[in-house]
């Protein structure tokens, strides 16, 4: 059995090209762009970056070559996402950012040919944006079997009523993948009750109430009230009653893609922490020479190492077609929490400067707190991990299968 953590030469070349493009093109351009004031100029600037990425052959790293992508597996995608996420706009410039990235995977797997041409193709071309409408305020977002939004069939149409919130990208989207309850006779809490629909936006009955104000401002998470929205039966995505399966198929790889981007942020925070420690003199020595600061650096380095190994292993299981649910749950929980801890330590080493907005750390911390419940709260992942660990022991007399199934 060979365990090799080196990239093939052609993939190492891709990583080098992505790193160079982000460092020499995207980051300098982002520093000159401002969304305030000249909105049209800002949009022209970021769309120009997208065209540059396409010309450089760095477009759609996660999609098959026959659909205009780079054809990378999840292991290779990890190195692209981690390089791209060195700046906020990076994944978007390469057209591999959430929620469009997850929706592309979903449409590629679940949509029929007509739906792919109508909805997937514009996403791949970068001329449309999308959203995924599942979470509701009245029920636990981590349990889609409790969804209350209902779709009732009326001839060749469905009439949908319900309430959604934290629908990322809704105000910029030209369509939504909406999850609604269609099988009203299925008991609450059971699977098989939900169906996915493709909703063209804007549309009568889809009422955008507000962008929910969060710790990092009102930046794209909408509350939606759906009232008598009528959708043709041809807009069902993936078959009636398959909404839960579709959602889980989408969220597994999407969770890991988040982890790939979070690793980049954690590494940035660690770099800043070390740089500060090497340049800040206090009480007779540099911070880097003080044991207490060294512990913060060491803990962060060890956690980041664990994050990278977990993501790479989970990605390899996806690429091999193996059951990856436990490994992705573990990675999602661990990386999200490590991200918070590493940024917090970096802020501590920077002192008041880290708490200010003079460095990116304060903004990074606001976004990092979201990571612990986005795409499944910590506690839900812990519950699933425990369930699968117990089940593995009951089935085999060992917990090895629940800890990666590794040969040690």
Protein backbone atom coordinates (compact mmCIF):
# COMPACT_ATOMS: atom_id res chain seq x y z
CA UNK A 1 0.00 0.00 0.00
CA UNK A 2 1.44 3.35 -1.05
CA UNK A 3 0.68 6.54 0.88
CA UNK A 4 2.02 9.48 -1.07
CA UNK A 5 1.23 13.08 -0.18
CA UNK A 6 3.08 14.58 -3.13
CA UNK A 7 1.19 15.96 -6.09
CA UNK A 8 1.69 14.71 -9.60
CA UNK A 9 3.89 17.14 -11.58
CA UNK A 10 0.94 18.40 -13.62
CA UNK A 11 -1.06 19.10 -10.45
CA UNK A 12 1.90 20.79 -8.76
CA UNK A 13 2.06 23.02 -11.82
CA UNK A 14 -1.63 23.87 -11.42
CA UNK A 15 -1.08 24.78 -7.77
CA UNK A 16 1.84 27.01 -8.74
CA UNK A 17 -0.25 28.73 -11.41
CA UNK A 18 -3.17 29.28 -9.03
CA UNK A 19 -0.87 30.66 -6.32
CA UNK A 20 0.81 33.02 -8.78
CA UNK A 21 -2.52 34.17 -10.20
CA UNK A 22 -3.99 34.86 -6.75
CA UNK A 23 -0.88 36.59 -5.40
CA UNK A 24 0.06 38.63 -8.46
CA UNK A 25 -3.32 39.34 -10.07
CA UNK A 26 -6.33 38.87 -7.77
CA UNK A 27 -4.97 40.26 -4.49
CA UNK A 28 -3.53 43.47 -6.01
CA UNK A 29 -6.72 44.02 -8.05
CA UNK A 30 -8.93 43.38 -5.01
CA UNK A 31 -7.05 46.02 -3.05
CA UNK A 32 -7.94 48.59 -5.70
CA UNK A 33 -11.62 47.61 -5.97
CA UNK A 34 -14.32 49.08 -3.78
CA UNK A 35 -17.99 48.13 -3.85
CA UNK A 36 -18.90 51.52 -2.38
CA UNK A 37 -19.59 54.41 -4.71
CA UNK A 38 -18.77 53.20 -8.21
CA UNK A 39 -20.70 49.93 -8.13
CA UNK A 40 -20.54 49.51 -11.90
CA UNK A 41 -16.79 49.94 -11.88
CA UNK A 42 -16.47 47.38 -9.09
CA UNK A 43 -18.49 44.83 -11.06
CA UNK A 44 -16.51 45.48 -14.22
CA UNK A 45 -13.32 44.91 -12.27
CA UNK A 46 -14.28 41.57 -10.75
CA UNK A 47 -15.79 40.28 -14.00
CA UNK A 48 -12.55 41.22 -15.74
CA UNK A 49 -10.73 39.04 -13.19
CA UNK A 50 -13.03 36.16 -14.09
CA UNK A 51 -12.24 36.56 -17.76
CA UNK A 52 -8.54 36.57 -16.88
CA UNK A 53 -8.97 33.33 -14.90
CA UNK A 54 -10.74 31.71 -17.83
CA UNK A 55 -7.96 32.82 -20.20
CA UNK A 56 -5.35 31.41 -17.79
CA UNK A 57 -7.08 28.00 -17.79
CA UNK A 58 -8.03 28.30 -14.11
CA UNK A 59 -11.81 28.24 -14.61
CA UNK A 60 -14.14 25.71 -12.92
CA UNK A 61 -11.47 23.52 -11.25
CA UNK A 62 -14.19 21.28 -9.79
CA UNK A 63 -16.06 20.47 -13.00
CA UNK A 64 -15.38 17.85 -15.71
CA UNK A 65 -13.46 18.91 -18.78
CA UNK A 66 -16.41 18.11 -21.04
CA UNK A 67 -18.34 20.85 -19.21
CA UNK A 68 -15.55 23.41 -19.56
CA UNK A 69 -13.83 22.68 -16.26
CA UNK A 70 -10.35 21.59 -15.22
CA UNK A 71 -11.47 18.06 -14.37
CA UNK A 72 -9.79 17.91 -10.95
CA UNK A 73 -10.66 15.38 -8.29
CA UNK A 74 -11.38 16.42 -4.72
CA UNK A 75 -7.77 15.91 -3.58
CA UNK A 76 -6.52 18.20 -6.33
CA UNK A 77 -9.39 20.60 -5.68
CA UNK A 78 -8.20 20.94 -2.08
CA UNK A 79 -4.96 22.53 -3.17
CA UNK A 80 -6.76 24.87 -5.60
CA UNK A 81 -9.35 25.99 -3.03
CA UNK A 82 -6.74 26.53 -0.33
CA UNK A 83 -4.69 28.71 -2.66
CA UNK A 84 -7.71 30.60 -4.00
CA UNK A 85 -9.09 31.37 -0.54
CA UNK A 86 -6.04 33.45 0.38
CA UNK A 87 -8.33 36.30 -0.65
CA UNK A 88 -12.10 36.61 -0.32
CA UNK A 89 -12.66 36.98 -4.06
CA UNK A 90 -10.35 34.12 -5.06
CA UNK A 91 -12.84 31.21 -5.25
CA UNK A 92 -15.42 33.45 -6.91
CA UNK A 93 -12.94 34.57 -9.56
CA UNK A 94 -12.21 30.91 -10.41
CA UNK A 95 -15.97 30.18 -10.35
CA UNK A 96 -15.70 27.60 -7.58
CA UNK A 97 -17.35 29.44 -4.68
CA UNK A 98 -20.39 28.58 -2.58
CA UNK A 99 -23.27 28.24 -3.19
CA UNK A 100 -22.79 27.96 -6.97
CA UNK A 101 -20.10 25.29 -6.64
CA UNK A 102 -22.38 22.92 -4.74
CA UNK A 103 -25.30 23.68 -7.03
CA UNK A 104 -23.17 22.86 -10.07
CA UNK A 105 -22.34 19.43 -8.64
CA UNK A 106 -26.01 18.90 -7.81
CA UNK A 107 -27.27 19.84 -11.27
CA UNK A 108 -24.60 17.75 -12.97
CA UNK A 109 -25.72 14.68 -11.01
CA UNK A 110 -29.48 15.17 -10.67
CA UNK A 111 -30.72 17.38 -13.53
CA UNK A 112 -32.09 16.06 -16.82
CA UNK A 113 -30.54 17.21 -20.10
CA UNK A 114 -32.98 20.08 -20.58
CA UNK A 115 -32.44 21.34 -17.02
CA UNK A 116 -28.66 21.14 -17.42
CA UNK A 117 -28.74 23.33 -20.49
CA UNK A 118 -31.13 25.82 -18.91
CA UNK A 119 -29.62 26.07 -15.43
CA UNK A 120 -26.20 24.42 -15.25
CA UNK A 121 -24.74 25.86 -18.44
CA UNK A 122 -25.20 29.55 -17.44
CA UNK A 123 -23.57 28.83 -14.06
CA UNK A 124 -20.59 27.28 -15.78
CA UNK A 125 -20.33 30.21 -18.17
CA UNK A 126 -20.33 32.62 -15.23
CA UNK A 127 -23.30 34.62 -16.51
CA UNK A 128 -25.79 33.53 -13.83
CA UNK A 129 -25.76 32.95 -10.09
CA UNK A 130 -27.87 30.66 -7.92
CA UNK A 131 -28.97 29.85 -4.38
CA UNK A 132 -30.01 26.80 -2.37
CA UNK A 133 -33.20 27.33 -0.36
CA UNK A 134 -33.58 24.77 2.41
CA UNK A 135 -33.17 26.33 5.88
CA UNK A 136 -36.27 27.61 7.71
CA UNK A 137 -36.57 29.75 10.85
CA UNK A 138 -39.32 27.70 12.49
CA UNK A 139 -37.47 24.37 12.55
CA UNK A 140 -33.90 23.16 13.08
CA UNK A 141 -31.93 23.85 9.92
CA UNK A 142 -29.76 20.79 10.55
CA UNK A 143 -32.79 18.47 10.28
CA UNK A 144 -34.32 18.78 6.79
CA UNK A 145 -36.91 16.11 7.60
CA UNK A 146 -38.74 18.81 9.62
CA UNK A 147 -39.17 21.21 6.68
CA UNK A 148 -42.57 22.92 6.70
CA UNK A 149 -42.55 24.59 3.29
CA UNK A 150 -45.15 22.65 1.32
CA UNK A 151 -45.67 22.03 -2.38
CA UNK A 152 -49.11 20.76 -3.40
CA UNK A 153 -49.73 19.47 -6.92
CA UNK A 154 -52.39 21.23 -8.97
CA UNK A 155 -52.62 19.61 -12.38
CA UNK A 156 -49.33 20.12 -14.19
CA UNK A 157 -48.15 22.64 -11.61
CA UNK A 158 -47.09 22.75 -7.99
CA UNK A 159 -48.26 25.46 -5.59
CA UNK A 160 -45.63 26.24 -2.97
CA UNK A 161 -46.06 28.06 0.35
CA UNK A 162 -43.47 28.44 3.06
CA UNK A 163 -40.78 30.43 4.81
CA UNK A 164 -37.01 30.25 4.26
CA UNK A 165 -34.10 32.17 5.70
CA UNK A 166 -30.32 32.44 5.55
CA UNK A 167 -30.61 31.75 1.83
CA UNK A 168 -27.15 32.81 0.71
CA UNK A 169 -26.91 34.66 -2.60
CA UNK A 170 -30.70 34.90 -3.01
CA UNK A 171 -30.71 38.55 -4.10
CA UNK A 172 -28.13 37.89 -6.80
CA UNK A 173 -29.53 34.56 -7.98
CA UNK A 174 -31.35 33.95 -11.25
CA UNK A 175 -32.71 30.68 -9.90
CA UNK A 176 -33.03 28.71 -6.68
CA UNK A 177 -32.92 25.03 -5.85
CA UNK A 178 -35.80 24.92 -3.37
CA UNK A 179 -36.52 22.03 -0.98
CA UNK A 180 -40.20 21.62 -0.08
CA UNK A 181 -42.37 18.94 1.50
CA UNK A 182 -44.51 17.17 -1.13
CA UNK A 183 -45.37 13.86 0.55
CA UNK A 184 -47.71 15.01 3.27
CA UNK A 185 -48.54 11.47 4.38
CA UNK A 186 -44.91 10.72 5.32
CA UNK A 187 -44.53 11.11 9.11
CA UNK A 188 -42.60 14.12 10.33
CA UNK A 189 -38.98 13.20 10.87
CA UNK A 190 -38.98 10.49 8.20
CA UNK A 191 -37.06 10.75 4.95
CA UNK A 192 -38.69 10.70 1.54
CA UNK A 193 -41.10 13.57 2.17
CA UNK A 194 -39.20 16.34 0.38
CA UNK A 195 -38.74 17.27 -3.26
CA UNK A 196 -36.33 19.70 -4.93
CA UNK A 197 -37.65 22.32 -7.36
CA UNK A 198 -35.91 24.69 -9.76
CA UNK A 199 -37.35 28.18 -9.21
CA UNK A 200 -36.72 30.96 -11.72
CA UNK A 201 -36.05 34.31 -10.05
CA UNK A 202 -37.53 36.81 -9.71
CA UNK A 203 -40.98 35.28 -9.69
CA UNK A 204 -44.40 36.12 -8.27
CA UNK A 205 -44.82 34.39 -4.94
CA UNK A 206 -41.12 34.56 -4.06
CA UNK A 207 -40.93 37.47 -1.63
CA UNK A 208 -37.50 38.63 -0.51
CA UNK A 209 -38.22 40.12 2.92
CA UNK A 210 -34.74 41.22 3.98
CA UNK A 211 -31.07 40.40 4.17
CA UNK A 212 -30.51 39.06 7.67
CA UNK A 213 -28.09 41.22 9.64
CA UNK A 214 -25.26 39.09 11.04
CA UNK A 215 -22.06 39.62 13.01
CA UNK A 216 -20.34 40.59 9.78
CA UNK A 217 -23.18 42.74 8.44
CA UNK A 218 -25.99 42.14 5.98
CA UNK A 219 -24.02 40.40 3.29
CA UNK A 220 -26.28 38.19 1.25
CA UNK A 221 -28.25 35.87 3.55
CA UNK A 222 -31.92 36.49 2.75
CA UNK A 223 -35.21 35.75 4.45
CA UNK A 224 -37.81 34.61 1.92
CA UNK A 225 -41.59 34.24 2.30
CA UNK A 226 -43.12 32.02 -0.38
CA UNK A 227 -46.79 32.59 -1.11
CA UNK A 228 -48.74 30.59 -3.71
CA UNK A 229 -45.70 30.28 -5.93
CA UNK A 230 -46.62 28.16 -8.97
CA UNK A 231 -44.02 25.91 -10.57
CA UNK A 232 -44.45 23.57 -13.58
CA UNK A 233 -43.98 19.87 -12.88
CA UNK A 234 -41.04 19.96 -15.30
CA UNK A 235 -39.16 22.00 -12.69
CA UNK A 236 -38.89 19.07 -10.28
CA UNK A 237 -35.19 18.28 -9.84
CA UNK A 238 -34.09 14.70 -9.27
CA UNK A 239 -37.52 13.13 -8.96
CA UNK A 240 -40.37 13.47 -6.51
CA UNK A 241 -39.53 12.53 -2.94
CA UNK A 242 -35.76 12.67 -3.48
CA UNK A 243 -35.20 16.07 -1.88
CA UNK A 244 -33.47 14.65 1.21
CA UNK A 245 -31.12 12.45 -0.83
CA UNK A 246 -30.33 15.34 -3.16
CA UNK A 247 -29.61 17.67 -0.25
CA UNK A 248 -27.27 15.19 1.45
CA UNK A 249 -25.49 14.49 -1.84
CA UNK A 250 -24.92 18.22 -2.24
CA UNK A 251 -23.85 18.98 1.32
CA UNK A 252 -21.15 16.33 1.80
CA UNK A 253 -18.63 17.60 -0.79
CA UNK A 254 -19.75 21.19 -0.15
CA UNK A 255 -18.81 20.85 3.52
CA UNK A 256 -15.37 19.63 2.56
CA UNK A 257 -14.95 22.49 0.07
CA UNK A 258 -15.66 24.91 2.93
CA UNK A 259 -12.92 23.16 4.94
CA UNK A 260 -10.47 23.60 2.07
CA UNK A 261 -11.11 27.34 2.07
CA UNK A 262 -11.02 27.56 5.89
CA UNK A 263 -7.59 25.92 5.93
CA UNK A 264 -6.35 28.83 3.85
CA UNK A 265 -7.73 31.32 6.33
CA UNK A 266 -6.25 29.42 9.28
CA UNK A 267 -2.86 29.34 7.59
CA UNK A 268 -3.06 33.08 6.94
CA UNK A 269 -3.81 33.66 10.62
CA UNK A 270 -0.88 31.46 11.68
CA UNK A 271 1.45 33.28 9.29
CA UNK A 272 0.35 36.60 10.76
CA UNK A 273 0.79 35.28 14.30
CA UNK A 274 4.38 34.20 13.65
CA UNK A 275 5.23 37.41 11.80
CA UNK A 276 3.90 39.47 14.70
CA UNK A 277 5.82 37.38 17.22
CA UNK A 278 9.06 37.88 15.28
CA UNK A 279 8.63 41.65 15.08
CA UNK A 280 7.08 42.64 18.41
CA UNK A 281 9.47 43.40 21.29
CA UNK A 282 8.10 43.40 24.82
CA UNK A 283 9.52 42.99 28.35
CA UNK A 284 13.07 42.27 27.31
CA UNK A 285 12.62 40.01 24.31
CA UNK A 286 10.69 39.33 21.12
CA UNK A 287 7.30 37.69 21.56
CA UNK A 288 8.63 34.72 19.55
CA UNK A 289 11.14 34.05 22.35
CA UNK A 290 8.48 33.82 25.05
CA UNK A 291 7.28 30.32 25.94
CA UNK A 292 3.66 31.35 26.28
CA UNK A 293 3.61 32.67 22.71
CA UNK A 294 5.47 29.61 21.48
CA UNK A 295 2.71 27.42 22.88
CA UNK A 296 0.09 29.39 20.96
CA UNK A 297 2.11 28.98 17.76
CA UNK A 298 2.76 25.28 18.39
CA UNK A 299 -0.88 24.48 19.14
CA UNK A 300 -1.95 26.29 15.99
CA UNK A 301 0.65 24.52 13.83
CA UNK A 302 -0.39 21.10 15.13
CA UNK A 303 -4.07 21.81 14.57
CA UNK A 304 -3.47 23.08 11.05
CA UNK A 305 -1.49 19.92 10.29
CA UNK A 306 -4.41 17.81 11.49
CA UNK A 307 -6.84 19.88 9.41
CA UNK A 308 -4.85 19.31 6.24
CA UNK A 309 -4.55 15.55 6.79
CA UNK A 310 -8.26 15.16 7.54
CA UNK A 311 -9.30 17.09 4.46
CA UNK A 312 -6.92 15.21 2.18
CA UNK A 313 -8.08 11.82 3.49
CA UNK A 314 -11.78 12.69 3.23
CA UNK A 315 -11.21 14.03 -0.28
CA UNK A 316 -9.44 10.82 -1.27
CA UNK A 317 -12.44 8.78 -0.11
CA UNK A 318 -14.78 10.88 -2.22
CA UNK A 319 -12.53 10.41 -5.24
CA UNK A 320 -12.47 6.63 -4.69
CA UNK A 321 -16.27 6.44 -4.45
CA UNK A 322 -16.11 5.21 -0.84
CA UNK A 323 -18.45 6.14 2.01
CA UNK A 324 -17.06 9.47 3.19
CA UNK A 325 -19.78 10.65 5.55
CA UNK A 326 -17.94 10.11 8.83
CA UNK A 327 -14.66 11.55 7.58
CA UNK A 328 -16.35 14.67 6.17
CA UNK A 329 -18.30 15.17 9.42
CA UNK A 330 -15.07 14.88 11.41
CA UNK A 331 -13.24 17.26 9.09
CA UNK A 332 -16.05 19.79 9.05
CA UNK A 333 -16.28 19.86 12.85
CA UNK A 334 -12.54 19.90 13.49
CA UNK A 335 -11.53 22.40 10.81
CA UNK A 336 -14.30 24.85 11.74
CA UNK A 337 -13.29 24.80 15.40
CA UNK A 338 -9.57 24.97 14.62
CA UNK A 339 -10.21 27.97 12.41
CA UNK A 340 -11.82 29.79 15.33
CA UNK A 341 -9.05 28.86 17.74
CA UNK A 342 -6.17 29.74 15.42
CA UNK A 343 -7.63 33.13 14.50
CA UNK A 344 -8.35 33.83 18.17
CA UNK A 345 -4.74 33.06 19.08
CA UNK A 346 -3.51 35.31 16.28
CA UNK A 347 -5.68 38.15 17.62
CA UNK A 348 -4.26 37.57 21.11
CA UNK A 349 -0.67 37.79 19.86
CA UNK A 350 -1.51 41.00 18.00
CA UNK A 351 -3.11 42.50 21.11
CA UNK A 352 -5.30 45.55 20.55
CA UNK A 353 -4.14 45.71 16.94
CA UNK A 354 -5.70 42.29 16.29
CA UNK A 355 -9.00 43.44 17.78
CA UNK A 356 -9.04 46.46 15.50
CA UNK A 357 -9.91 46.46 11.83
CA UNK A 358 -6.39 47.56 10.90
CA UNK A 359 -5.63 43.88 10.19
CA UNK A 360 -8.02 41.37 8.56
CA UNK A 361 -8.16 39.25 11.73
CA UNK A 362 -11.28 40.83 13.23
CA UNK A 363 -13.24 40.29 10.02
CA UNK A 364 -11.85 36.77 9.71
CA UNK A 365 -13.04 36.00 13.25
CA UNK A 366 -16.57 37.17 12.47
CA UNK A 367 -16.79 34.88 9.47
CA UNK A 368 -15.10 32.01 11.33
CA UNK A 369 -17.79 31.91 13.99
CA UNK A 370 -20.31 31.13 11.26
CA UNK A 371 -18.29 28.03 10.31
CA UNK A 372 -19.33 26.14 13.44
CA UNK A 373 -22.96 25.87 12.39
CA UNK A 374 -22.93 26.38 8.61
CA UNK A 375 -23.70 23.12 6.76
CA UNK A 376 -24.43 21.36 10.04
CA UNK A 377 -23.86 22.52 13.60
CA UNK A 378 -20.97 21.08 15.64
CA UNK A 379 -23.33 19.06 17.79
CA UNK A 380 -25.09 17.42 14.83
CA UNK A 381 -21.79 16.25 13.38
CA UNK A 382 -20.73 14.96 16.80
CA UNK A 383 -24.00 13.03 17.09
CA UNK A 384 -23.54 11.43 13.66
CA UNK A 385 -19.88 10.60 14.35
CA UNK A 386 -20.85 8.93 17.63
CA UNK A 387 -23.69 6.99 15.98
CA UNK A 388 -21.40 5.64 13.26
CA UNK A 389 -18.64 4.82 15.77
CA UNK A 390 -21.08 2.80 17.88
CA UNK A 391 -22.50 1.10 14.78
CA UNK A 392 -19.00 0.18 13.56
CA UNK A 393 -18.20 -1.46 16.88
CA UNK A 394 -21.49 -3.33 16.99
CA UNK A 395 -20.94 -4.63 13.45
CA UNK A 396 -17.27 -5.62 13.68
CA UNK A 397 -16.16 -5.49 17.30
CA UNK A 398 -13.85 -2.59 16.41
CA UNK A 399 -14.16 1.17 15.94
CA UNK A 400 -11.48 1.20 13.22
CA UNK A 401 -13.97 1.72 10.37
CA UNK A 402 -15.26 4.85 12.13
CA UNK A 403 -11.80 6.37 12.49
CA UNK A 404 -10.90 6.48 8.84
CA UNK A 405 -10.47 2.75 8.26
CA UNK A 406 -6.74 3.39 8.13
CA UNK A 407 -4.16 0.55 8.27
CA UNK A 408 -2.88 1.40 11.75
